[in-house]
Every structure is written in C-alpha cells, then in structure tokens.
Protein backbone atom coordinates (compact mmCIF):
# COMPACT_ATOMS: atom_id res chain seq x y z
CA MET A 1 49.12 79.46 144.21
CA SER A 2 48.85 82.93 143.46
CA GLN A 3 51.98 85.75 143.54
CA VAL A 4 50.23 87.36 146.32
CA GLN A 5 49.41 84.44 148.42
CA ILE A 6 53.16 83.90 148.12
CA ALA A 7 54.11 87.08 149.33
CA VAL A 8 51.62 87.07 152.20
CA ILE A 9 53.38 83.60 153.41
CA VAL A 10 56.96 85.13 153.08
CA PHE A 11 55.98 88.19 154.87
CA LEU A 12 54.23 86.58 158.00
CA ILE A 13 56.92 83.74 158.18
CA THR A 14 59.77 86.40 157.98
CA THR A 15 58.02 88.56 160.20
CA VAL A 16 57.28 85.85 163.19
CA THR A 17 60.60 84.50 162.88
CA SER A 18 62.21 87.88 163.11
CA VAL A 19 60.21 88.40 166.75
CA ALA A 20 61.35 85.04 167.96
CA PHE A 21 64.82 85.48 167.06
CA VAL A 22 65.05 89.23 168.47
CA THR A 23 63.34 87.91 171.71
CA LYS A 24 65.49 84.82 171.92
CA THR A 25 69.05 86.39 171.18
CA THR A 26 68.26 89.31 173.48
CA ASP A 27 68.30 86.95 176.49
CA LEU A 28 71.51 85.48 175.09
CA PHE A 29 73.25 88.56 174.32
CA ARG A 30 72.54 89.57 177.94
CA ARG A 31 73.59 86.23 179.37
CA LEU A 32 76.96 86.72 177.50
CA GLY A 33 77.14 90.46 178.72
CA LEU A 34 77.19 91.66 175.02
CA LEU A 35 75.80 94.89 176.24
CA ASP A 36 76.03 98.55 174.75
CA GLN A 37 76.99 101.13 177.60
CA PRO A 38 75.96 104.78 177.85
CA GLY A 39 78.66 107.05 176.12
CA LEU A 40 79.67 110.38 174.70
CA ARG A 41 78.02 109.64 171.64
CA ARG A 42 75.27 107.13 172.67
CA VAL A 43 71.69 108.13 173.02
CA HIS A 44 70.62 105.54 175.76
CA THR A 45 71.23 106.02 179.45
CA THR A 46 71.48 102.54 180.71
CA PRO A 47 72.97 99.37 179.00
CA VAL A 48 71.00 97.71 176.59
CA PRO A 49 71.66 94.33 174.41
CA ARG A 50 73.67 95.31 171.35
CA GLY A 51 74.36 93.48 167.91
CA LEU A 52 70.67 92.36 167.33
CA GLY A 53 70.60 92.68 163.86
CA VAL A 54 71.69 89.01 163.78
CA ALA A 55 68.10 88.42 164.58
CA ILE A 56 67.08 90.66 161.59
CA PHE A 57 69.53 88.69 159.09
CA LEU A 58 68.65 85.30 160.48
CA ALA A 59 65.11 86.36 160.00
CA PHE A 60 65.56 87.74 156.54
CA LEU A 61 67.49 84.30 155.93
CA VAL A 62 64.65 81.86 156.91
CA GLY A 63 62.30 84.22 154.51
CA ILE A 64 64.18 83.80 151.58
CA GLY A 65 64.55 80.37 152.48
CA ALA A 66 60.82 79.64 152.73
CA SER A 67 60.39 81.24 149.47
CA TYR A 68 62.50 78.27 147.75
CA PHE A 69 59.50 75.73 149.13
CA LEU A 70 57.00 77.85 147.49
CA PRO A 71 56.13 77.63 143.78
CA VAL A 72 58.53 80.60 142.78
CA GLU A 73 59.98 80.51 139.16
CA ARG A 74 63.50 81.25 139.13
CA GLN A 75 66.51 81.75 136.87
CA ALA A 76 69.89 80.28 137.50
CA VAL A 77 71.13 83.75 137.68
CA GLU A 78 68.83 84.76 140.17
CA THR A 79 69.75 82.22 142.18
CA GLU A 80 73.36 82.97 141.77
CA ARG A 81 72.72 86.51 142.94
CA ILE A 82 70.77 85.51 145.92
CA LEU A 83 73.04 83.06 146.98
CA LEU A 84 76.06 85.77 146.74
CA THR A 85 73.62 88.59 148.32
CA VAL A 86 73.35 85.82 151.38
CA ILE A 87 77.21 84.76 151.40
CA GLY A 88 77.75 88.21 151.61
CA SER A 89 75.91 89.46 154.10
CA ALA A 90 76.66 86.31 156.54
CA ILE A 91 80.53 88.04 156.25
CA VAL A 92 79.42 91.45 157.13
CA VAL A 93 77.08 90.10 160.01
CA GLY A 94 79.88 87.76 161.11
CA VAL A 95 82.50 89.95 161.42
CA MET A 96 80.30 92.90 162.58
CA LEU A 97 79.02 91.16 165.49
CA VAL A 98 82.64 90.29 166.82
CA ASP A 99 83.34 94.10 166.47
CA ASP A 100 79.96 94.59 168.62
CA ALA A 101 81.60 92.44 171.18
CA ILE A 102 85.07 93.64 170.89
CA SER A 103 85.28 96.85 168.94
CA LEU A 104 87.37 96.37 166.00
CA GLY A 105 89.62 99.09 164.29
CA PRO A 106 88.08 101.26 161.79
CA ARG A 107 90.42 100.14 159.00
CA THR A 108 89.63 96.21 160.17
CA LYS A 109 86.24 97.25 159.28
CA LEU A 110 87.01 98.60 156.23
CA LEU A 111 88.79 96.02 154.87
CA TRP A 112 86.09 93.40 155.55
CA GLN A 113 83.12 95.53 153.91
CA ILE A 114 85.22 95.56 150.69
CA THR A 115 85.69 91.80 150.99
CA ALA A 116 82.09 91.17 151.37
CA ALA A 117 81.52 93.66 148.32
CA ALA A 118 84.25 91.76 146.63
CA ILE A 119 82.12 88.36 146.89
CA VAL A 120 79.08 89.79 145.14
CA ILE A 121 81.40 91.71 142.60
CA LEU A 122 84.13 89.51 141.59
CA PRO A 123 81.80 87.00 139.93
CA ARG A 124 81.32 89.37 137.18
CA LEU A 125 84.86 88.81 135.71
CA ARG A 126 83.60 84.86 135.00
CA GLY A 127 81.43 86.67 132.18
CA GLU A 128 77.66 88.41 132.17
CA GLY A 129 74.82 86.67 133.81
CA HIS A 130 77.48 86.39 136.90
CA GLY A 131 78.14 88.37 139.88
CA ILE A 132 76.07 91.72 140.92
CA VAL A 133 77.89 94.71 139.03
CA MET A 134 76.41 98.49 138.21
CA GLN A 135 77.22 98.39 134.49
CA GLN A 136 74.51 100.88 133.20
CA VAL A 137 73.73 104.01 134.55
CA ASN A 138 70.97 106.07 133.61
CA SER A 139 72.09 109.76 132.52
CA PRO A 140 70.16 112.77 134.30
CA PHE A 141 70.40 114.02 130.58
CA GLY A 142 68.66 111.45 128.61
CA GLY A 143 69.50 107.83 127.68
CA THR A 144 72.02 104.77 129.40
CA ILE A 145 75.76 104.99 130.22
CA VAL A 146 77.67 101.63 129.52
CA LEU A 147 80.32 101.90 131.99
CA PRO A 148 83.35 99.34 131.17
CA LEU A 149 83.45 96.78 133.24
CA ALA A 150 86.67 98.08 135.30
CA ILE A 151 84.59 101.22 135.77
CA ALA A 152 81.42 99.33 136.79
CA VAL A 153 83.80 97.06 139.46
CA ILE A 154 85.05 100.29 141.09
CA VAL A 155 81.77 101.83 140.98
CA THR A 156 80.00 99.03 142.61
CA PHE A 157 82.53 98.90 145.31
CA VAL A 158 81.92 102.49 146.01
CA TRP A 159 78.24 102.23 146.07
CA ILE A 160 78.15 98.72 148.22
CA VAL A 161 80.89 100.21 151.10
CA GLY A 162 79.67 103.66 150.93
CA LEU A 163 75.97 102.78 151.72
CA MET A 164 77.13 100.34 154.26
CA ASN A 165 78.82 103.28 156.19
CA VAL A 166 75.71 105.75 155.57
CA MET A 167 73.40 102.87 157.21
CA ASN A 168 75.74 102.63 160.05
CA TRP A 169 75.76 106.71 160.67
CA VAL A 170 72.10 106.71 160.49
CA ASP A 171 71.96 104.27 163.33
CA GLY A 172 72.84 107.22 165.92
CA LEU A 173 68.71 107.22 167.27
CA ASP A 174 66.60 104.51 168.63
CA GLY A 175 64.50 103.29 165.41
CA LEU A 176 66.16 105.65 163.04
CA ALA A 177 68.34 102.89 160.32
CA ALA A 178 65.34 100.31 161.13
CA SER A 179 62.78 103.28 160.01
CA VAL A 180 64.40 104.36 156.98
CA THR A 181 65.00 100.82 155.79
CA LEU A 182 61.99 99.93 156.09
CA VAL A 183 60.76 103.13 153.94
CA SER A 184 63.27 101.89 151.14
CA CYS A 185 62.39 98.08 151.62
CA ALA A 186 58.61 99.01 150.85
CA VAL A 187 59.40 101.72 148.05
CA LEU A 188 61.87 98.84 146.25
CA PHE A 189 59.14 95.92 146.88
CA ILE A 190 56.72 98.32 145.07
CA HIS A 191 58.92 99.07 142.34
CA THR A 192 60.02 95.19 141.89
CA TYR A 193 56.52 93.65 142.71
CA PHE A 194 54.83 95.62 139.59
CA GLY A 195 57.79 96.21 137.81
CA PRO A 196 59.60 99.26 136.42
CA ASP A 197 58.02 99.93 132.53
CA GLY A 198 55.32 97.45 133.77
CA VAL A 199 57.42 94.50 133.53
CA PRO A 200 57.07 92.87 137.13
CA GLN A 201 60.30 91.33 138.81
CA PHE A 202 58.85 89.04 141.34
CA THR A 203 61.20 87.13 142.20
CA ILE A 204 63.39 89.82 143.21
CA SER A 205 60.69 91.61 144.68
CA LEU A 206 60.97 88.88 147.62
CA LEU A 207 64.27 90.24 148.73
CA PRO A 208 63.03 93.74 150.09
CA LEU A 209 59.87 92.08 151.12
CA ALA A 210 61.75 89.67 153.34
CA LEU A 211 63.93 92.20 154.73
CA GLY A 212 61.30 94.55 155.30
CA ALA A 213 59.15 92.00 157.13
CA ALA A 214 62.56 91.35 159.43
CA ILE A 215 62.79 94.70 160.31
CA ILE A 216 59.03 95.06 161.42
CA GLY A 217 59.60 92.24 163.95
CA PHE A 218 62.56 93.83 165.10
CA LEU A 219 61.22 97.80 165.19
CA PRO A 220 59.06 97.15 168.18
CA PHE A 221 62.02 96.54 170.21
CA ASN A 222 64.32 99.04 168.80
CA TRP A 223 61.60 102.15 169.17
CA HIS A 224 62.73 104.58 171.86
CA PRO A 225 63.29 103.63 174.62
CA ALA A 226 64.98 101.14 172.79
CA LYS A 227 65.16 97.79 174.79
CA LEU A 228 68.19 96.61 172.41
CA ILE A 229 70.06 97.80 169.50
CA MET A 230 71.09 96.18 166.24
CA GLY A 231 74.94 97.61 166.35
CA ASP A 232 77.16 97.23 163.50
CA ALA A 233 75.95 93.91 162.65
CA GLY A 234 72.96 95.21 161.94
CA ALA A 235 73.18 98.83 160.39
CA MET A 236 75.84 97.37 158.10
CA PHE A 237 74.27 94.43 157.20
CA LEU A 238 70.98 97.12 155.94
CA GLY A 239 73.43 98.95 154.13
CA PHE A 240 74.89 95.86 152.03
CA ALA A 241 71.50 94.38 151.69
CA LEU A 242 69.70 97.81 150.44
CA ALA A 243 72.91 98.40 148.00
CA VAL A 244 73.02 94.83 146.38
CA ILE A 245 68.99 94.61 146.10
CA SER A 246 69.15 97.86 144.31
CA ILE A 247 71.48 96.79 141.60
CA ILE A 248 70.13 92.72 141.38
CA GLY A 249 67.57 92.38 138.44
CA GLY A 250 68.46 95.70 136.97
CA ALA A 251 69.85 99.14 138.37
CA LYS A 252 67.07 100.84 140.66
CA ILE A 253 69.84 103.28 141.51
CA ALA A 254 67.84 106.08 141.07
CA THR A 255 65.21 105.02 143.32
CA ALA A 256 67.41 103.92 145.86
CA LEU A 257 69.39 107.67 145.71
CA LEU A 258 65.88 109.08 145.94
CA VAL A 259 64.35 107.18 148.97
CA LEU A 260 67.93 107.34 151.03
CA GLY A 261 68.72 110.76 149.93
CA LEU A 262 68.87 112.66 152.97
CA PRO A 263 70.90 109.92 154.78
CA ILE A 264 73.28 109.74 151.84
CA LEU A 265 73.59 113.62 151.76
CA ASP A 266 74.09 114.12 155.51
CA GLY A 267 77.01 111.28 155.24
CA LEU A 268 78.63 113.35 152.30
CA TRP A 269 78.21 116.76 154.22
CA VAL A 270 79.92 115.06 157.55
CA VAL A 271 82.77 113.64 155.67
CA ALA A 272 83.16 116.70 153.64
CA PHE A 273 83.20 118.35 157.18
CA ARG A 274 85.55 116.54 158.69
CA PHE A 275 88.29 116.50 155.89
CA PHE A 276 87.63 120.77 155.64
CA HIS A 277 88.89 120.68 159.41
CA GLY A 278 91.28 118.05 159.11
CA ARG A 279 89.64 115.37 160.61
CA SER A 280 89.77 111.68 159.98
CA PRO A 281 86.30 110.59 158.63
CA LEU A 282 86.75 107.17 160.18
CA TYR A 283 86.54 109.06 163.76
CA ALA A 284 83.21 110.14 164.88
CA ASP A 285 81.93 113.58 166.27
CA LYS A 286 78.27 114.56 166.92
CA GLY A 287 78.09 116.07 163.56
CA HIS A 288 75.34 114.10 161.69
CA LEU A 289 72.00 115.76 160.97
CA HIS A 290 70.13 113.90 163.75
CA HIS A 291 72.68 114.79 166.39
CA ARG A 292 72.52 118.54 165.48
CA LEU A 293 68.29 118.40 165.94
CA LEU A 294 68.73 116.05 168.84
CA ALA A 295 70.66 119.19 170.24
CA GLY A 296 68.70 121.54 169.14
CA GLY A 297 65.77 120.56 171.28
CA TRP A 298 64.12 117.78 168.90
CA GLY A 299 63.27 114.45 170.68
CA GLN A 300 64.12 111.34 169.40
CA ARG A 301 60.92 109.93 168.13
CA GLN A 302 60.15 113.53 166.28
CA ILE A 303 63.68 113.23 164.59
CA VAL A 304 63.24 109.16 163.48
CA LEU A 305 59.59 110.23 162.07
CA PHE A 306 60.74 113.11 160.11
CA VAL A 307 63.63 111.54 158.54
CA ALA A 308 61.65 108.51 157.71
CA GLY A 309 58.97 110.92 156.36
CA ILE A 310 61.32 112.49 154.26
CA SER A 311 62.49 109.25 152.79
CA ALA A 312 58.60 108.20 152.41
CA VAL A 313 58.27 111.40 150.12
CA PHE A 314 61.54 110.82 148.24
CA GLY A 315 60.16 107.09 147.87
CA SER A 316 56.97 108.16 146.56
CA ALA A 317 58.47 110.74 144.09
CA ALA A 318 60.37 107.87 143.16
CA LEU A 319 57.34 105.20 142.36
CA LEU A 320 55.53 108.26 140.90
CA LEU A 321 58.40 109.88 138.33
CA PRO A 322 58.00 108.19 134.83
CA THR A 323 61.14 108.05 134.13
CA ARG A 324 64.63 107.29 135.73
CA GLU A 325 66.08 110.18 134.05
CA LEU A 326 63.72 112.60 135.77
CA LYS A 327 64.34 110.37 139.50
CA LEU A 328 68.22 111.81 139.16
CA MET A 329 67.35 114.86 138.22
CA THR A 330 64.60 115.16 141.08
CA PHE A 331 67.50 114.10 143.41
CA LEU A 332 69.91 116.51 142.26
CA MET A 333 67.68 119.09 142.43
CA ILE A 334 66.19 118.40 146.34
CA GLY A 335 69.94 117.22 147.13
CA ALA A 336 71.19 120.70 146.43
CA VAL A 337 68.24 122.14 148.64
CA LEU A 338 69.10 119.56 151.43
CA PHE A 339 72.70 119.93 151.21
CA ALA A 340 72.57 123.61 151.60
CA ILE A 341 70.02 123.28 154.47
CA ILE A 342 72.65 120.72 156.80
CA GLY A 343 75.50 123.07 155.71
CA ALA A 344 73.48 125.96 157.31
CA LEU A 345 72.74 123.66 160.15
CA ALA A 346 76.15 122.94 160.85
CA LEU A 347 77.48 126.32 160.56
CA ARG A 348 74.80 127.50 162.84
CA SER A 349 75.55 124.97 165.72
CA ARG A 350 77.37 125.54 168.81
CA SER A 351 77.25 122.08 170.06
CA LEU A 352 79.67 120.30 167.65
CA PRO A 353 81.92 119.02 170.25
CA ASP A 354 85.88 117.85 169.29
CA ALA A 355 86.04 114.51 167.16
CA ARG A 356 87.50 112.54 170.22
CA LYS A 357 89.40 109.56 168.95
CA HIS A 358 85.69 107.85 169.46
CA ARG A 359 85.69 105.22 166.52
CA VAL A 360 82.69 105.35 164.30
CA ASP A 361 80.44 102.27 165.26
C-alpha cells in the first residue's frame, strides 16, 4: 500500500468519524444541558451546545489509531511521542470539558495546562530520544542555537502553554479557531509529507493530517451561525496539538510562527495592553482583533475568512521560503507591521469595554 493510499484512508476515516462524533455528542450535550448561554463576550444570541471539541479529539484519536492498522513504518521514538501527545491531549480535553460544564478558575486551568505540557516534556529528562522538547532553535542571523536542556524545557513549556491560550483567545467567533487550525494543519502536513530539505517525514505527517480531517468534519457545524461551539475543550486541545506537532520530528517552529503569526501577535498585543492598563491577562475584555473588527462593522464570516486568509498567505511563505532563517526574518518583519496595525486599531477603538470580571474562556 502506497503512502498516498494510507494518507487518504486516514483522512477519510477521521473525517467520517468526526461528523459522527459531532452529531452524537451534540445530541448528548443538549440532553445534559451543557449549553453556552448568550452573554457580554458571546457572539451568539441563542444557547448552543458547548464543549464539542471532545468530538474533534476523539476523531483525531481514531484517525491516529487507524494508522496503526496500516503498513506504516514507525521508530520507537515516534510511537513514544505520539503516545505522549495523546495522553497530554486527553488531560487537556478532560479538564477543559469540566471547565465547559462548571467554569473552572483561570489559575486552575493554567495549572492543568502546565501539567499537560509536563506530560510531553519531562520524559526528556530520561535522556535523548525521549519526550518532546524544543532544544534546537534556528537563529534569524543564520545557523542553529542548541539550548541547554534546562532552558529548552522552559522554552517548550512557554511554547505549549502559550499556544494553548492563543488558540483559546482565537476561539471568539464562529469557525475562527477551527479555520485557523485547519490552515495550520494543511501547512504542517505539506511540510512534513514532502519533508524539509527533501527529507519526508511521513509518519509525522499523519498527525496534522488527522487533526485537519477531524476539523473538516467539525467545521460545517461551527460555521456562522454556529449550531455548536468547541469550548475550552476544543480550543485548548487544538493549541496543545499544534504546539506539540510543530516540535515532533524536528522543530518546525518557524513554520508554525508564520502560519499562526496573526493570532500570536494579537495575543501578545492584548496581554501587553492589559498589563499596561493594570489589568490581569487572565481576565478578558473585547480587545482582540476579531472583537475590534466586529465592532467596526465586519461580519463574522468576513473576519474568519480574513484571518484564515492571512494565515494561508503566511503558511505559503513558510512553505516557499528556502531556509528557516528566512522564515524567522519574514515573521519578524511582517510581525512588526501587524503589531503596529493592531496597535493602531486598539488606540482608535472606542468600543473597548472594561475588563469586567469575566474570566477568559
């Protein structure tokens, strides 16, 4: 069986499974009363089932599991890292599903985010070939920087926990987090399937393929006007999965930074804005880019297509630029421009409400 056939089978199984899980889970959550109510920071006007990210995770799990029944050659280190990814993801989804049901405090959620990151990182202390750690970083000035293990562990914690929160912040409009993640998965799949420097990583490419397929099954239900939302269980899982996948099989951080450049920069801006105004970054306002565009008269679909389009442009640059150094330099240059644009929108906005005691969710 060829690699193309294997990829197609995994894609189809995951997509069909995702649709089935979404449909069944939606009915279950309605019966259980797990609904997201309209509110100050909500864009929907009627109660919708919340926490459907669990369906994305289950479909992803089925897709990866199915690949083990196909003739895919894996090294022991790859199997270990996939297992760590699944365990960490299960913790994220389980805890955040509880949050979707009863609303955990921001510090409690942060503690569990760190715990999930520790699951995939700390096995590295057993020695090389274990765990998932970002130990080599490409310098924008050329060459590779090898980080001491202690620094690498800290950087990886920041990357995983940070991206989980970025995706949670992105999940503010119908279909936004799912669309951005789908673009990211497409880029990471192409990058690993054909391989950096012409060295394919087929086994690793099945991870973004399965994740993207799970989102394809979910997105039609989440498109505006959404019939359901993924909740923290979905947004945090997507952030965790993207962060880990970008490290597995050789760090693809430059690629991830480019394709997720706009959401990451928006998140950095909002955190800086809250700190500057004496507000905790754990408590929310409507200061994110998508909130400002919505207040400026943009429609939800327009905003989703705009942000996903920017991610697609950045992702194309990540695939076409010949070196990782050029990718990082491009990210820094484009990032400076976008940061200035986001800042200008923030300063001109008249619609920023107080960060009223509404927790980030």
